[in-house]
């Protein structure tokens, strides 16, 4: 069983102030799973988008506004946002503190389509 270390993963900037580390995906040996670790600086966001698969986003630190479909819902640590396949979702960090979440997909290759 492989042990994956975040220190061995390249950081990707999704948008200004939003960083993502691809912890698990097809490039790391997974057949049907992707896990990303994201941090959002105060005032940053994950732009609204959709996927052909569902996605679970576990809030680990901080407070965010989650966009899910037409709803905007405040979320905090211990909560999980479940976005069904094809449903618009994203996050905005309006707080004065950083936030962190884990994004989990049932696929080894993530497809993301930006939407308004």
Protein backbone atom coordinates (compact mmCIF):
# COMPACT_ATOMS: atom_id res chain seq x y z
CA UNK A 1 0.00 0.00 0.00
CA UNK A 2 1.57 3.32 -1.03
CA UNK A 3 1.94 6.12 1.48
CA UNK A 4 1.50 9.52 -0.15
CA UNK A 5 3.04 12.63 1.39
CA UNK A 6 1.76 16.16 0.70
CA UNK A 7 5.38 17.38 0.75
CA UNK A 8 5.96 15.32 -2.42
CA UNK A 9 3.05 16.89 -4.32
CA UNK A 10 3.29 19.94 -6.57
CA UNK A 11 1.18 22.94 -5.62
CA UNK A 12 -1.24 24.36 -8.20
CA UNK A 13 -2.80 27.82 -8.02
CA UNK A 14 -6.45 27.48 -9.09
CA UNK A 15 -7.03 31.23 -8.81
CA UNK A 16 -5.39 34.08 -6.89
CA UNK A 17 -5.19 33.01 -3.23
CA UNK A 18 -6.48 29.48 -3.86
CA UNK A 19 -3.91 26.67 -3.79
CA UNK A 20 -4.49 22.97 -4.48
CA UNK A 21 -2.38 19.89 -3.88
CA UNK A 22 -3.42 16.72 -5.77
CA UNK A 23 -2.83 14.16 -3.03
CA UNK A 24 -4.35 11.14 -4.81
CA UNK A 25 -5.16 10.70 -8.50
CA UNK A 26 -4.32 8.58 -11.50
CA UNK A 27 -0.76 9.94 -11.69
CA UNK A 28 -0.13 8.55 -8.20
CA UNK A 29 -1.49 5.07 -8.86
CA UNK A 30 -5.21 5.47 -8.12
CA UNK A 31 -7.67 3.71 -10.43
CA UNK A 32 -10.90 5.42 -9.37
CA UNK A 33 -10.20 8.11 -6.77
CA UNK A 34 -8.93 11.67 -6.57
CA UNK A 35 -8.32 13.67 -3.39
CA UNK A 36 -7.22 17.28 -3.35
CA UNK A 37 -6.19 19.49 -0.44
CA UNK A 38 -7.16 23.14 -1.00
CA UNK A 39 -6.41 26.30 0.93
CA UNK A 40 -8.24 29.57 0.36
CA UNK A 41 -6.75 32.85 1.56
CA UNK A 42 -9.11 35.51 2.91
CA UNK A 43 -10.99 37.09 0.00
CA UNK A 44 -10.22 34.24 -2.44
CA UNK A 45 -12.55 31.79 -4.14
CA UNK A 46 -12.93 28.55 -6.03
CA UNK A 47 -14.77 29.72 -9.15
CA UNK A 48 -18.10 28.07 -9.93
CA UNK A 49 -17.74 24.93 -11.99
CA UNK A 50 -19.27 21.51 -12.72
CA UNK A 51 -17.94 17.95 -13.02
CA UNK A 52 -19.34 14.86 -14.78
CA UNK A 53 -18.95 13.04 -11.43
CA UNK A 54 -20.09 13.90 -7.94
CA UNK A 55 -17.68 15.58 -5.52
CA UNK A 56 -17.54 15.64 -1.72
CA UNK A 57 -15.78 18.63 -0.12
CA UNK A 58 -14.93 18.28 3.57
CA UNK A 59 -14.38 21.60 5.34
CA UNK A 60 -11.31 21.24 7.58
CA UNK A 61 -10.51 24.81 8.67
CA UNK A 62 -12.12 28.23 8.46
CA UNK A 63 -15.49 29.41 7.26
CA UNK A 64 -16.63 29.63 3.64
CA UNK A 65 -19.69 30.43 1.59
CA UNK A 66 -20.44 27.36 -0.52
CA UNK A 67 -22.26 27.78 -3.82
CA UNK A 68 -24.35 24.70 -4.61
CA UNK A 69 -26.73 25.06 -7.53
CA UNK A 70 -28.59 28.34 -6.93
CA UNK A 71 -27.95 28.31 -3.17
CA UNK A 72 -25.20 30.01 -1.16
CA UNK A 73 -24.67 28.26 2.18
CA UNK A 74 -22.23 29.20 4.96
CA UNK A 75 -20.10 26.18 5.92
CA UNK A 76 -17.57 25.49 8.68
CA UNK A 77 -15.25 22.70 9.85
CA UNK A 78 -16.96 19.36 10.27
CA UNK A 79 -19.38 19.94 7.42
CA UNK A 80 -19.24 18.30 3.99
CA UNK A 81 -20.62 19.78 0.78
CA UNK A 82 -21.85 17.08 -1.61
CA UNK A 83 -22.13 18.33 -5.20
CA UNK A 84 -23.97 15.90 -7.48
CA UNK A 85 -22.64 15.36 -11.00
CA UNK A 86 -23.43 18.33 -13.24
CA UNK A 87 -24.42 20.67 -10.39
CA UNK A 88 -22.73 24.07 -10.23
CA UNK A 89 -20.58 24.60 -7.13
CA UNK A 90 -17.76 26.74 -5.77
CA UNK A 91 -16.55 28.57 -2.64
CA UNK A 92 -15.89 32.12 -1.49
CA UNK A 93 -13.80 32.97 1.57
CA UNK A 94 -15.34 36.19 2.92
CA UNK A 95 -13.81 35.65 6.36
CA UNK A 96 -10.63 37.29 7.56
CA UNK A 97 -8.91 33.93 8.03
CA UNK A 98 -7.59 31.18 5.74
CA UNK A 99 -9.79 28.15 5.03
CA UNK A 100 -8.95 24.60 4.04
CA UNK A 101 -10.92 21.74 2.52
CA UNK A 102 -10.42 18.28 1.05
CA UNK A 103 -12.07 17.57 -2.32
CA UNK A 104 -12.85 13.92 -3.06
CA UNK A 105 -13.89 12.49 -6.45
CA UNK A 106 -14.83 8.94 -7.55
CA UNK A 107 -12.46 9.14 -10.53
CA UNK A 108 -8.70 9.14 -11.04
CA UNK A 109 -8.95 11.97 -13.60
CA UNK A 110 -10.83 15.16 -12.71
CA UNK A 111 -12.79 16.98 -15.40
CA UNK A 112 -13.75 20.57 -14.47
CA UNK A 113 -15.90 22.91 -16.57
CA UNK A 114 -16.15 26.58 -15.48
CA UNK A 115 -19.67 28.03 -15.25
CA UNK A 116 -21.17 31.30 -13.99
